[in-house]
Amino acid sequence: MTFAIAHLPQFPEHSADRATIQLSTLSEDLIVRVPDPNDIPPNWDVYPILGTNTEEPDWEGLAEPTGVWDDACDDMVKLTGIELRIPKTELEKYLNTEVQLRYKLADESSLEPCSEPLILFIEA
């Protein structure tokens, strides 16, 4: 199971599967947006990863929930506009090289599907 490629709102002109990241234009973190609409269940977590190996990535970011509990309907409600962050200091390790960015999902059953890769080229 794979999901759509992440979007980078700070670099809106990037192509569907590649982006050049100019570190000089980032003040702090690179923002990674999970596309809407998506087929992600509302009771999962999502987090960014860097590297080619999805099972053992070079770097894993902090997880964000994909939904919140709604007392009115007594169920989980899916969130939209989910944003993940990659610290600029992590991206500096890939200066003048390419790295694959994905978001990965986790649920209680240890199922961990991920998105298709977005190839980042990191420039100063």
N, C-alpha and C. Protein backbone atom coordinates (compact mmCIF):
# COMPACT_ATOMS: atom_id res chain seq x y z
N MET A 1 0.85 -1.17 0.00
CA MET A 1 0.00 0.00 0.00
C MET A 1 0.89 1.24 0.00
N THR A 2 0.74 2.09 -1.00
CA THR A 2 1.50 3.33 -1.05
C THR A 2 0.56 4.52 -1.16
N PHE A 3 1.08 5.67 -0.81
CA PHE A 3 0.29 6.89 -0.78
C PHE A 3 0.95 7.96 -1.65
N ALA A 4 0.19 9.01 -1.95
CA ALA A 4 0.66 10.08 -2.84
C ALA A 4 1.90 10.78 -2.27
N ILE A 5 2.69 11.31 -3.17
CA ILE A 5 3.92 12.02 -2.81
C ILE A 5 3.59 13.26 -1.98
N ALA A 6 4.46 13.53 -1.02
CA ALA A 6 4.31 14.71 -0.15
C ALA A 6 4.46 16.00 -0.97
N HIS A 7 3.92 17.09 -0.42
CA HIS A 7 4.02 18.41 -1.04
C HIS A 7 4.83 19.31 -0.12
N LEU A 8 5.62 20.20 -0.71
CA LEU A 8 6.44 21.14 0.06
C LEU A 8 5.90 22.55 -0.14
N PRO A 9 5.10 23.07 0.79
CA PRO A 9 4.49 24.39 0.58
C PRO A 9 5.50 25.54 0.49
N GLN A 10 6.70 25.37 1.05
CA GLN A 10 7.72 26.43 0.96
C GLN A 10 8.35 26.48 -0.44
N PHE A 11 8.18 25.41 -1.21
CA PHE A 11 8.72 25.32 -2.57
C PHE A 11 7.58 24.87 -3.50
N PRO A 12 6.55 25.71 -3.67
CA PRO A 12 5.32 25.29 -4.36
C PRO A 12 5.51 24.96 -5.84
N GLU A 13 6.60 25.39 -6.45
CA GLU A 13 6.81 25.16 -7.87
C GLU A 13 7.51 23.85 -8.18
N HIS A 14 7.73 22.99 -7.16
CA HIS A 14 8.46 21.75 -7.44
C HIS A 14 7.62 20.81 -8.30
N SER A 15 8.33 19.96 -9.05
CA SER A 15 7.63 19.00 -9.92
C SER A 15 6.98 17.92 -9.06
N ALA A 16 6.28 17.02 -9.72
CA ALA A 16 5.53 16.00 -8.99
C ALA A 16 6.41 15.07 -8.17
N ASP A 17 7.65 14.80 -8.65
CA ASP A 17 8.47 13.82 -7.94
C ASP A 17 9.87 14.30 -7.59
N ARG A 18 10.19 15.58 -7.86
CA ARG A 18 11.52 16.13 -7.56
C ARG A 18 11.39 17.56 -7.03
N ALA A 19 12.34 17.93 -6.15
CA ALA A 19 12.37 19.30 -5.64
C ALA A 19 13.80 19.67 -5.30
N THR A 20 14.16 20.90 -5.61
CA THR A 20 15.46 21.44 -5.20
C THR A 20 15.22 22.29 -3.97
N ILE A 21 15.93 21.96 -2.90
CA ILE A 21 15.77 22.67 -1.63
C ILE A 21 16.97 23.58 -1.44
N GLN A 22 16.73 24.87 -1.38
CA GLN A 22 17.79 25.84 -1.12
C GLN A 22 17.79 26.17 0.36
N LEU A 23 18.79 25.65 1.06
CA LEU A 23 18.85 25.81 2.51
C LEU A 23 18.87 27.28 2.92
N SER A 24 19.45 28.14 2.08
CA SER A 24 19.53 29.57 2.41
C SER A 24 18.15 30.21 2.52
N THR A 25 17.13 29.60 1.91
CA THR A 25 15.78 30.17 1.97
C THR A 25 14.97 29.64 3.16
N LEU A 26 15.51 28.63 3.86
CA LEU A 26 14.79 28.08 5.02
C LEU A 26 15.24 28.79 6.29
N SER A 27 14.28 29.26 7.06
CA SER A 27 14.64 29.87 8.34
C SER A 27 14.87 28.80 9.41
N GLU A 28 14.07 27.75 9.39
CA GLU A 28 14.23 26.68 10.37
C GLU A 28 13.98 25.33 9.73
N ASP A 29 12.73 24.89 9.76
CA ASP A 29 12.38 23.55 9.30
C ASP A 29 11.80 23.57 7.89
N LEU A 30 11.99 22.44 7.20
CA LEU A 30 11.30 22.20 5.94
C LEU A 30 9.93 21.63 6.30
N ILE A 31 8.88 22.23 5.76
CA ILE A 31 7.52 21.76 6.04
C ILE A 31 7.12 20.78 4.95
N VAL A 32 6.62 19.64 5.38
CA VAL A 32 6.17 18.57 4.49
C VAL A 32 4.68 18.40 4.71
N ARG A 33 3.89 18.59 3.67
CA ARG A 33 2.44 18.47 3.79
C ARG A 33 1.97 17.14 3.21
N VAL A 34 1.16 16.44 3.99
CA VAL A 34 0.53 15.20 3.52
C VAL A 34 -0.64 15.62 2.63
N PRO A 35 -0.69 15.13 1.39
CA PRO A 35 -1.75 15.57 0.46
C PRO A 35 -3.16 15.23 0.95
N ASP A 36 -4.11 16.10 0.62
CA ASP A 36 -5.54 15.87 0.84
C ASP A 36 -6.19 15.76 -0.53
N PRO A 37 -7.23 15.01 -0.71
CA PRO A 37 -7.71 13.99 0.21
C PRO A 37 -6.78 12.78 0.16
N ASN A 38 -6.87 11.97 1.19
CA ASN A 38 -6.03 10.78 1.22
C ASN A 38 -6.82 9.62 1.83
N ASP A 39 -6.27 8.44 1.72
CA ASP A 39 -6.94 7.24 2.23
C ASP A 39 -6.39 6.81 3.58
N ILE A 40 -5.78 7.73 4.29
CA ILE A 40 -5.18 7.40 5.58
C ILE A 40 -6.27 7.34 6.65
N PRO A 41 -6.36 6.24 7.37
CA PRO A 41 -7.34 6.15 8.45
C PRO A 41 -7.07 7.19 9.54
N PRO A 42 -8.11 7.65 10.23
CA PRO A 42 -7.93 8.71 11.23
C PRO A 42 -7.30 8.24 12.54
N ASN A 43 -7.09 6.96 12.71
CA ASN A 43 -6.51 6.49 13.98
C ASN A 43 -5.05 6.07 13.83
N TRP A 44 -4.36 6.59 12.82
CA TRP A 44 -2.95 6.29 12.60
C TRP A 44 -2.10 7.50 12.94
N ASP A 45 -0.78 7.31 12.91
CA ASP A 45 0.18 8.40 13.02
C ASP A 45 0.96 8.47 11.73
N VAL A 46 1.49 9.64 11.42
CA VAL A 46 2.28 9.84 10.21
C VAL A 46 3.55 10.60 10.58
N TYR A 47 4.66 10.24 9.94
CA TYR A 47 5.93 10.91 10.22
C TYR A 47 6.81 10.91 8.97
N PRO A 48 7.70 11.91 8.85
CA PRO A 48 8.57 11.97 7.67
C PRO A 48 9.80 11.07 7.84
N ILE A 49 10.29 10.54 6.71
CA ILE A 49 11.54 9.78 6.73
C ILE A 49 12.41 10.23 5.56
N LEU A 50 13.72 10.11 5.74
CA LEU A 50 14.70 10.40 4.69
C LEU A 50 15.52 9.14 4.43
N GLY A 51 15.82 8.89 3.16
CA GLY A 51 16.66 7.76 2.78
C GLY A 51 15.93 6.81 1.85
N THR A 52 16.70 5.90 1.26
CA THR A 52 16.13 4.97 0.29
C THR A 52 15.48 3.75 0.94
N ASN A 53 15.93 3.37 2.11
CA ASN A 53 15.41 2.18 2.78
C ASN A 53 14.24 2.58 3.68
N THR A 54 13.04 2.17 3.31
CA THR A 54 11.86 2.56 4.11
C THR A 54 11.76 1.79 5.42
N GLU A 55 12.40 0.62 5.49
CA GLU A 55 12.37 -0.18 6.72
C GLU A 55 13.37 0.35 7.75
N GLU A 56 14.50 0.85 7.27
CA GLU A 56 15.54 1.42 8.13
C GLU A 56 16.01 2.73 7.53
N PRO A 57 15.19 3.78 7.64
CA PRO A 57 15.54 5.06 7.02
C PRO A 57 16.76 5.71 7.70
N ASP A 58 17.39 6.62 6.96
CA ASP A 58 18.51 7.37 7.51
C ASP A 58 18.07 8.26 8.66
N TRP A 59 16.83 8.77 8.57
CA TRP A 59 16.30 9.69 9.58
C TRP A 59 14.79 9.54 9.65
N GLU A 60 14.24 9.62 10.87
CA GLU A 60 12.79 9.62 11.10
C GLU A 60 12.41 10.86 11.89
N GLY A 61 11.34 11.52 11.47
CA GLY A 61 10.87 12.69 12.17
C GLY A 61 9.82 12.35 13.22
N LEU A 62 9.32 13.39 13.85
CA LEU A 62 8.29 13.23 14.87
C LEU A 62 6.95 12.87 14.24
N ALA A 63 6.22 12.01 14.91
CA ALA A 63 4.91 11.56 14.41
C ALA A 63 3.82 12.55 14.77
N GLU A 64 2.87 12.67 13.86
CA GLU A 64 1.67 13.49 14.08
C GLU A 64 0.44 12.59 13.90
N PRO A 65 -0.62 12.83 14.66
CA PRO A 65 -1.83 12.02 14.48
C PRO A 65 -2.52 12.38 13.17
N THR A 66 -3.21 11.39 12.59
CA THR A 66 -3.97 11.64 11.35
C THR A 66 -5.43 11.95 11.65
N GLY A 67 -5.80 11.90 12.92
CA GLY A 67 -7.18 12.20 13.30
C GLY A 67 -7.27 12.58 14.77
N VAL A 68 -8.45 13.03 15.15
CA VAL A 68 -8.73 13.40 16.54
C VAL A 68 -10.07 12.80 16.96
N TRP A 69 -10.22 12.61 18.24
CA TRP A 69 -11.47 12.07 18.77
C TRP A 69 -12.52 13.17 18.80
N ASP A 70 -13.71 12.85 18.32
CA ASP A 70 -14.82 13.80 18.32
C ASP A 70 -15.91 13.22 19.22
N ASP A 71 -16.15 13.88 20.36
CA ASP A 71 -17.16 13.41 21.31
C ASP A 71 -18.57 13.45 20.71
N ALA A 72 -18.80 14.41 19.82
CA ALA A 72 -20.14 14.56 19.24
C ALA A 72 -20.56 13.32 18.44
N CYS A 73 -19.62 12.74 17.71
CA CYS A 73 -19.97 11.56 16.91
C CYS A 73 -19.41 10.28 17.53
N ASP A 74 -18.70 10.42 18.65
CA ASP A 74 -18.15 9.28 19.38
C ASP A 74 -17.26 8.41 18.48
N ASP A 75 -16.41 9.10 17.71
CA ASP A 75 -15.52 8.38 16.79
C ASP A 75 -14.34 9.29 16.42
N MET A 76 -13.34 8.69 15.75
CA MET A 76 -12.20 9.46 15.25
C MET A 76 -12.60 10.21 13.98
N VAL A 77 -12.09 11.42 13.84
CA VAL A 77 -12.35 12.25 12.68
C VAL A 77 -11.01 12.56 12.02
N LYS A 78 -10.93 12.35 10.72
CA LYS A 78 -9.69 12.57 9.98
C LYS A 78 -9.31 14.04 9.93
N LEU A 79 -8.01 14.31 10.11
CA LEU A 79 -7.49 15.67 9.99
C LEU A 79 -7.10 15.94 8.55
N THR A 80 -7.17 17.19 8.13
CA THR A 80 -6.68 17.59 6.82
C THR A 80 -5.56 18.61 7.03
N GLY A 81 -4.78 18.82 5.99
CA GLY A 81 -3.69 19.80 6.09
C GLY A 81 -2.60 19.38 7.07
N ILE A 82 -2.34 18.09 7.19
CA ILE A 82 -1.32 17.61 8.13
C ILE A 82 0.05 18.06 7.64
N GLU A 83 0.79 18.71 8.56
CA GLU A 83 2.13 19.18 8.23
C GLU A 83 3.15 18.52 9.14
N LEU A 84 4.23 18.03 8.52
CA LEU A 84 5.34 17.42 9.21
C LEU A 84 6.55 18.32 9.03
N ARG A 85 7.57 18.15 9.87
CA ARG A 85 8.72 19.04 9.80
C ARG A 85 10.02 18.26 9.75
N ILE A 86 10.95 18.78 8.94
CA ILE A 86 12.31 18.23 8.89
C ILE A 86 13.25 19.38 9.25
N PRO A 87 14.03 19.22 10.32
CA PRO A 87 14.95 20.30 10.71
C PRO A 87 15.99 20.60 9.63
N LYS A 88 16.29 21.87 9.47
CA LYS A 88 17.29 22.30 8.50
C LYS A 88 18.62 21.59 8.75
N THR A 89 18.94 21.36 10.02
CA THR A 89 20.21 20.70 10.34
C THR A 89 20.28 19.28 9.79
N GLU A 90 19.14 18.59 9.69
CA GLU A 90 19.12 17.24 9.08
C GLU A 90 19.38 17.33 7.58
N LEU A 91 18.79 18.33 6.93
CA LEU A 91 18.96 18.50 5.49
C LEU A 91 20.39 18.88 5.14
N GLU A 92 21.07 19.60 6.03
CA GLU A 92 22.46 20.01 5.77
C GLU A 92 23.38 18.80 5.57
N LYS A 93 23.03 17.67 6.13
CA LYS A 93 23.83 16.45 5.99
C LYS A 93 23.83 15.94 4.54
N TYR A 94 22.87 16.39 3.75
CA TYR A 94 22.73 15.94 2.36
C TYR A 94 23.12 17.03 1.37
N LEU A 95 23.88 18.01 1.81
CA LEU A 95 24.27 19.14 0.96
C LEU A 95 24.91 18.65 -0.34
N ASN A 96 24.42 19.17 -1.44
CA ASN A 96 24.88 18.86 -2.80
C ASN A 96 24.66 17.40 -3.20
N THR A 97 23.68 16.75 -2.59
CA THR A 97 23.32 15.38 -2.96
C THR A 97 21.79 15.27 -3.03
N GLU A 98 21.35 14.10 -3.50
CA GLU A 98 19.92 13.80 -3.53
C GLU A 98 19.58 12.89 -2.36
N VAL A 99 18.36 13.05 -1.85
CA VAL A 99 17.85 12.18 -0.81
C VAL A 99 16.35 11.98 -1.05
N GLN A 100 15.88 10.80 -0.72
CA GLN A 100 14.45 10.51 -0.88
C GLN A 100 13.69 10.90 0.39
N LEU A 101 12.59 11.60 0.19
CA LEU A 101 11.69 11.99 1.27
C LEU A 101 10.38 11.24 1.09
N ARG A 102 9.93 10.64 2.16
CA ARG A 102 8.61 10.00 2.19
C ARG A 102 7.95 10.35 3.53
N TYR A 103 6.65 10.12 3.59
CA TYR A 103 6.00 10.08 4.90
C TYR A 103 5.59 8.64 5.12
N LYS A 104 5.70 8.22 6.36
CA LYS A 104 5.42 6.84 6.72
C LYS A 104 4.29 6.84 7.73
N LEU A 105 3.49 5.80 7.70
CA LEU A 105 2.32 5.70 8.57
C LEU A 105 2.50 4.55 9.54
N ALA A 106 1.91 4.69 10.71
CA ALA A 106 1.98 3.62 11.71
C ALA A 106 0.63 3.48 12.38
N ASP A 107 0.23 2.22 12.60
CA ASP A 107 -0.99 1.95 13.36
C ASP A 107 -0.66 0.96 14.47
N GLU A 108 -1.66 0.58 15.23
CA GLU A 108 -1.44 -0.30 16.38
C GLU A 108 -1.01 -1.71 15.98
N SER A 109 -1.27 -2.13 14.74
CA SER A 109 -0.94 -3.49 14.32
C SER A 109 0.47 -3.59 13.72
N SER A 110 1.24 -2.53 13.82
CA SER A 110 2.60 -2.43 13.29
C SER A 110 2.66 -2.42 11.77
N LEU A 111 1.54 -2.20 11.11
CA LEU A 111 1.52 -2.00 9.67
C LEU A 111 2.11 -0.61 9.41
N GLU A 112 3.12 -0.51 8.53
CA GLU A 112 3.77 0.77 8.28
C GLU A 112 3.94 1.05 6.79
N PRO A 113 2.84 1.36 6.09
CA PRO A 113 2.98 1.74 4.68
C PRO A 113 3.60 3.13 4.55
N CYS A 114 4.04 3.47 3.36
CA CYS A 114 4.62 4.80 3.18
C CYS A 114 4.22 5.37 1.82
N SER A 115 4.56 6.64 1.64
CA SER A 115 4.24 7.34 0.40
C SER A 115 5.26 7.00 -0.67
N GLU A 116 4.93 7.38 -1.88
CA GLU A 116 5.91 7.34 -2.97
C GLU A 116 6.99 8.37 -2.63
N PRO A 117 8.23 8.20 -3.13
CA PRO A 117 9.29 9.14 -2.77
C PRO A 117 9.23 10.46 -3.54
N LEU A 118 9.64 11.51 -2.86
CA LEU A 118 9.92 12.80 -3.46
C LEU A 118 11.43 12.95 -3.38
N ILE A 119 12.09 13.12 -4.54
CA ILE A 119 13.54 13.23 -4.58
C ILE A 119 13.92 14.69 -4.31
N LEU A 120 14.69 14.90 -3.24
CA LEU A 120 15.15 16.24 -2.88
C LEU A 120 16.61 16.39 -3.30
N PHE A 121 16.94 17.51 -3.93
CA PHE A 121 18.33 17.88 -4.16
C PHE A 121 18.59 19.06 -3.26
N ILE A 122 19.57 18.91 -2.37
CA ILE A 122 19.84 19.91 -1.34
C ILE A 122 20.97 20.84 -1.80
N GLU A 123 20.66 22.13 -1.85
CA GLU A 123 21.64 23.16 -2.22
C GLU A 123 21.83 24.11 -1.05
N ALA A 124 22.99 24.77 -1.05
CA ALA A 124 23.27 25.77 -0.01
C ALA A 124 22.37 26.97 -0.25
